[in-house]
Amino acid sequence: MTINKNDANTAAVRDALSAVRNALEKEPASATVASALEQCERLELALTQFHTEGLRFASFTLLRTVNRAGPALGEAVHSATLQLKTALDSAGYPH
Protein backbone atom coordinates (compact mmCIF):
# COMPACT_ATOMS: atom_id res chain seq x y z
CA MET A 1 0.00 0.00 0.00
CA THR A 2 1.39 3.39 -1.02
CA ILE A 3 0.65 6.39 1.18
CA ASN A 4 0.26 9.72 -0.57
CA LYS A 5 3.03 11.90 0.83
CA ASN A 6 0.84 15.01 0.54
CA ASP A 7 -1.97 13.47 2.59
CA ALA A 8 0.45 12.21 5.24
CA ASN A 9 1.93 15.67 5.78
CA THR A 10 -1.08 17.95 5.33
CA ALA A 11 -1.56 18.22 9.10
CA ALA A 12 2.01 19.51 9.48
CA VAL A 13 1.36 22.12 6.79
CA ARG A 14 -1.86 23.21 8.50
CA ASP A 15 -0.08 23.47 11.86
CA ALA A 16 2.74 25.52 10.33
CA LEU A 17 0.21 27.76 8.57
CA SER A 18 -1.58 28.30 11.87
CA ALA A 19 1.72 29.32 13.49
CA VAL A 20 2.34 31.86 10.70
CA ARG A 21 -1.17 33.25 11.09
CA ASN A 22 -0.77 33.53 14.88
CA ALA A 23 2.57 35.31 14.53
CA LEU A 24 1.13 37.73 11.97
CA GLU A 25 -1.85 38.52 14.19
CA LYS A 26 0.56 39.67 16.93
CA GLU A 27 2.22 42.16 14.59
CA PRO A 28 1.12 45.82 14.43
CA ALA A 29 -1.52 46.38 11.76
CA SER A 30 -0.10 47.23 8.34
CA ALA A 31 -0.79 46.63 4.66
CA THR A 32 1.89 43.93 4.64
CA VAL A 33 0.33 42.08 7.56
CA ALA A 34 -3.13 42.32 5.98
CA SER A 35 -1.79 40.99 2.68
CA ALA A 36 0.04 38.11 4.38
CA LEU A 37 -3.06 37.17 6.38
CA GLU A 38 -5.11 37.19 3.18
CA GLN A 39 -2.63 34.77 1.62
CA CYS A 40 -2.89 32.56 4.71
CA GLU A 41 -6.65 32.37 4.11
CA ARG A 42 -6.11 31.55 0.43
CA LEU A 43 -3.59 28.86 1.32
CA GLU A 44 -6.00 27.33 3.84
CA LEU A 45 -8.76 27.29 1.21
CA ALA A 46 -6.46 25.69 -1.37
CA LEU A 47 -5.51 22.98 1.15
CA THR A 48 -9.17 22.33 1.91
CA GLN A 49 -10.06 22.09 -1.77
CA PHE A 50 -6.95 20.13 -2.78
CA HIS A 51 -6.29 22.85 -5.36
CA THR A 52 -2.63 22.48 -6.32
CA GLU A 53 -2.34 25.62 -8.42
CA GLY A 54 -4.11 27.71 -5.77
CA LEU A 55 -1.82 26.25 -3.13
CA ARG A 56 1.27 27.04 -5.16
CA PHE A 57 0.17 30.60 -5.85
CA ALA A 58 -0.91 31.37 -2.26
CA SER A 59 2.20 29.85 -0.70
CA PHE A 60 4.52 31.60 -3.15
CA THR A 61 2.81 34.94 -2.54
CA LEU A 62 2.84 34.50 1.25
CA LEU A 63 6.52 33.57 1.32
CA ARG A 64 7.41 36.46 -0.99
CA THR A 65 5.37 38.95 1.05
CA VAL A 66 7.11 37.99 4.29
CA ASN A 67 10.57 37.93 2.71
CA ARG A 68 10.09 41.34 1.09
CA ALA A 69 8.95 42.84 4.40
CA GLY A 70 12.30 41.94 5.95
CA PRO A 71 12.79 43.47 9.40
CA ALA A 72 9.39 45.22 9.23
CA LEU A 73 7.98 41.89 10.44
CA GLY A 74 9.22 40.29 13.64
CA GLU A 75 11.44 37.26 14.03
CA ALA A 76 8.45 35.12 15.07
CA VAL A 77 6.83 35.68 11.66
CA HIS A 78 10.03 34.87 9.78
CA SER A 79 10.66 31.75 11.88
CA ALA A 80 7.09 30.50 11.44
CA THR A 81 7.28 31.18 7.71
CA LEU A 82 10.49 29.16 7.44
CA GLN A 83 8.76 26.29 9.25
CA LEU A 84 5.85 26.55 6.82
CA LYS A 85 8.24 26.40 3.88
CA THR A 86 9.84 23.28 5.37
CA ALA A 87 6.42 21.68 5.91
CA LEU A 88 5.40 22.49 2.33
CA ASP A 89 8.65 20.92 1.07
CA SER A 90 8.12 17.80 3.20
CA ALA A 91 4.57 17.44 1.92
CA GLY A 92 5.71 17.79 -1.68
CA TYR A 93 3.61 20.90 -2.22
CA PRO A 94 4.91 23.44 -4.74
CA HIS A 95 5.62 26.96 -3.57
C-alpha atoms as a PDB file:
ATOM      1  CA  MET A   1       0.000   0.000   0.000  1.00  0.00           C
ATOM      2  CA  THR A   2       1.387   3.387  -1.015  1.00  0.00           C
ATOM      3  CA  ILE A   3       0.645   6.390   1.178  1.00  0.00           C
ATOM      4  CA  ASN A   4       0.261   9.724  -0.571  1.00  0.00           C
ATOM      5  CA  LYS A   5       3.033  11.901   0.831  1.00  0.00           C
ATOM      6  CA  ASN A   6       0.844  15.010   0.541  1.00  0.00           C
ATOM      7  CA  ASP A   7      -1.966  13.465   2.594  1.00  0.00           C
ATOM      8  CA  ALA A   8       0.448  12.206   5.238  1.00  0.00           C
ATOM      9  CA  ASN A   9       1.926  15.674   5.779  1.00  0.00           C
ATOM     10  CA  THR A  10      -1.078  17.952   5.332  1.00  0.00           C
ATOM     11  CA  ALA A  11      -1.556  18.221   9.105  1.00  0.00           C
ATOM     12  CA  ALA A  12       2.008  19.513   9.481  1.00  0.00           C
ATOM     13  CA  VAL A  13       1.357  22.124   6.790  1.00  0.00           C
ATOM     14  CA  ARG A  14      -1.860  23.212   8.500  1.00  0.00           C
ATOM     15  CA  ASP A  15      -0.077  23.473  11.865  1.00  0.00           C
ATOM     16  CA  ALA A  16       2.743  25.518  10.327  1.00  0.00           C
ATOM     17  CA  LEU A  17       0.214  27.759   8.575  1.00  0.00           C
ATOM     18  CA  SER A  18      -1.580  28.297  11.871  1.00  0.00           C
ATOM     19  CA  ALA A  19       1.720  29.319  13.489  1.00  0.00           C
ATOM     20  CA  VAL A  20       2.336  31.857  10.703  1.00  0.00           C
ATOM     21  CA  ARG A  21      -1.167  33.249  11.094  1.00  0.00           C
ATOM     22  CA  ASN A  22      -0.773  33.529  14.881  1.00  0.00           C
ATOM     23  CA  ALA A  23       2.575  35.311  14.529  1.00  0.00           C
ATOM     24  CA  LEU A  24       1.128  37.726  11.969  1.00  0.00           C
ATOM     25  CA  GLU A  25      -1.851  38.519  14.193  1.00  0.00           C
ATOM     26  CA  LYS A  26       0.564  39.667  16.933  1.00  0.00           C
ATOM     27  CA  GLU A  27       2.220  42.162  14.586  1.00  0.00           C
ATOM     28  CA  PRO A  28       1.121  45.816  14.429  1.00  0.00           C
ATOM     29  CA  ALA A  29      -1.517  46.376  11.756  1.00  0.00           C
ATOM     30  CA  SER A  30      -0.104  47.227   8.343  1.00  0.00           C
ATOM     31  CA  ALA A  31      -0.794  46.631   4.663  1.00  0.00           C
ATOM     32  CA  THR A  32       1.894  43.926   4.635  1.00  0.00           C
ATOM     33  CA  VAL A  33       0.331  42.077   7.562  1.00  0.00           C
ATOM     34  CA  ALA A  34      -3.129  42.324   5.977  1.00  0.00           C
ATOM     35  CA  SER A  35      -1.786  40.993   2.683  1.00  0.00           C
ATOM     36  CA  ALA A  36       0.036  38.114   4.375  1.00  0.00           C
ATOM     37  CA  LEU A  37      -3.056  37.174   6.381  1.00  0.00           C
ATOM     38  CA  GLU A  38      -5.111  37.189   3.177  1.00  0.00           C
ATOM     39  CA  GLN A  39      -2.630  34.765   1.616  1.00  0.00           C
ATOM     40  CA  CYS A  40      -2.894  32.560   4.710  1.00  0.00           C
ATOM     41  CA  GLU A  41      -6.653  32.372   4.110  1.00  0.00           C
ATOM     42  CA  ARG A  42      -6.114  31.545   0.432  1.00  0.00           C
ATOM     43  CA  LEU A  43      -3.592  28.861   1.316  1.00  0.00           C
ATOM     44  CA  GLU A  44      -6.004  27.328   3.838  1.00  0.00           C
ATOM     45  CA  LEU A  45      -8.757  27.294   1.207  1.00  0.00           C
ATOM     46  CA  ALA A  46      -6.455  25.688  -1.370  1.00  0.00           C
ATOM     47  CA  LEU A  47      -5.506  22.981   1.149  1.00  0.00           C
ATOM     48  CA  THR A  48      -9.173  22.329   1.910  1.00  0.00           C
ATOM     49  CA  GLN A  49     -10.060  22.088  -1.769  1.00  0.00           C
ATOM     50  CA  PHE A  50      -6.945  20.126  -2.785  1.00  0.00           C
ATOM     51  CA  HIS A  51      -6.294  22.848  -5.360  1.00  0.00           C
ATOM     52  CA  THR A  52      -2.631  22.483  -6.323  1.00  0.00           C
ATOM     53  CA  GLU A  53      -2.343  25.623  -8.420  1.00  0.00           C
ATOM     54  CA  GLY A  54      -4.111  27.713  -5.775  1.00  0.00           C
ATOM     55  CA  LEU A  55      -1.824  26.248  -3.130  1.00  0.00           C
ATOM     56  CA  ARG A  56       1.267  27.038  -5.160  1.00  0.00           C
ATOM     57  CA  PHE A  57       0.175  30.596  -5.851  1.00  0.00           C
ATOM     58  CA  ALA A  58      -0.908  31.366  -2.258  1.00  0.00           C
ATOM     59  CA  SER A  59       2.202  29.847  -0.698  1.00  0.00           C
ATOM     60  CA  PHE A  60       4.521  31.601  -3.155  1.00  0.00           C
ATOM     61  CA  THR A  61       2.815  34.945  -2.539  1.00  0.00           C
ATOM     62  CA  LEU A  62       2.836  34.499   1.245  1.00  0.00           C
ATOM     63  CA  LEU A  63       6.521  33.566   1.324  1.00  0.00           C
ATOM     64  CA  ARG A  64       7.408  36.459  -0.988  1.00  0.00           C
ATOM     65  CA  THR A  65       5.365  38.952   1.053  1.00  0.00           C
ATOM     66  CA  VAL A  66       7.111  37.989   4.294  1.00  0.00           C
ATOM     67  CA  ASN A  67      10.573  37.927   2.714  1.00  0.00           C
ATOM     68  CA  ARG A  68      10.091  41.335   1.095  1.00  0.00           C
ATOM     69  CA  ALA A  69       8.955  42.837   4.402  1.00  0.00           C
ATOM     70  CA  GLY A  70      12.303  41.943   5.949  1.00  0.00           C
ATOM     71  CA  PRO A  71      12.793  43.472   9.401  1.00  0.00           C
ATOM     72  CA  ALA A  72       9.393  45.220   9.225  1.00  0.00           C
ATOM     73  CA  LEU A  73       7.984  41.891  10.438  1.00  0.00           C
ATOM     74  CA  GLY A  74       9.222  40.287  13.637  1.00  0.00           C
ATOM     75  CA  GLU A  75      11.442  37.256  14.035  1.00  0.00           C
ATOM     76  CA  ALA A  76       8.448  35.124  15.070  1.00  0.00           C
ATOM     77  CA  VAL A  77       6.832  35.678  11.656  1.00  0.00           C
ATOM     78  CA  HIS A  78      10.034  34.865   9.779  1.00  0.00           C
ATOM     79  CA  SER A  79      10.662  31.753  11.878  1.00  0.00           C
ATOM     80  CA  ALA A  80       7.092  30.505  11.439  1.00  0.00           C
ATOM     81  CA  THR A  81       7.279  31.176   7.705  1.00  0.00           C
ATOM     82  CA  LEU A  82      10.487  29.164   7.443  1.00  0.00           C
ATOM     83  CA  GLN A  83       8.763  26.287   9.253  1.00  0.00           C
ATOM     84  CA  LEU A  84       5.852  26.553   6.823  1.00  0.00           C
ATOM     85  CA  LYS A  85       8.242  26.396   3.875  1.00  0.00           C
ATOM     86  CA  THR A  86       9.839  23.279   5.371  1.00  0.00           C
ATOM     87  CA  ALA A  87       6.415  21.683   5.909  1.00  0.00           C
ATOM     88  CA  LEU A  88       5.403  22.486   2.326  1.00  0.00           C
ATOM     89  CA  ASP A  89       8.646  20.924   1.066  1.00  0.00           C
ATOM     90  CA  SER A  90       8.124  17.802   3.204  1.00  0.00           C
ATOM     91  CA  ALA A  91       4.573  17.436   1.923  1.00  0.00           C
ATOM     92  CA  GLY A  92       5.707  17.786  -1.678  1.00  0.00           C
ATOM     93  CA  TYR A  93       3.608  20.905  -2.219  1.00  0.00           C
ATOM     94  CA  PRO A  94       4.912  23.436  -4.743  1.00  0.00           C
ATOM     95  CA  HIS A  95       5.616  26.963  -3.574  1.00  0.00           C
END
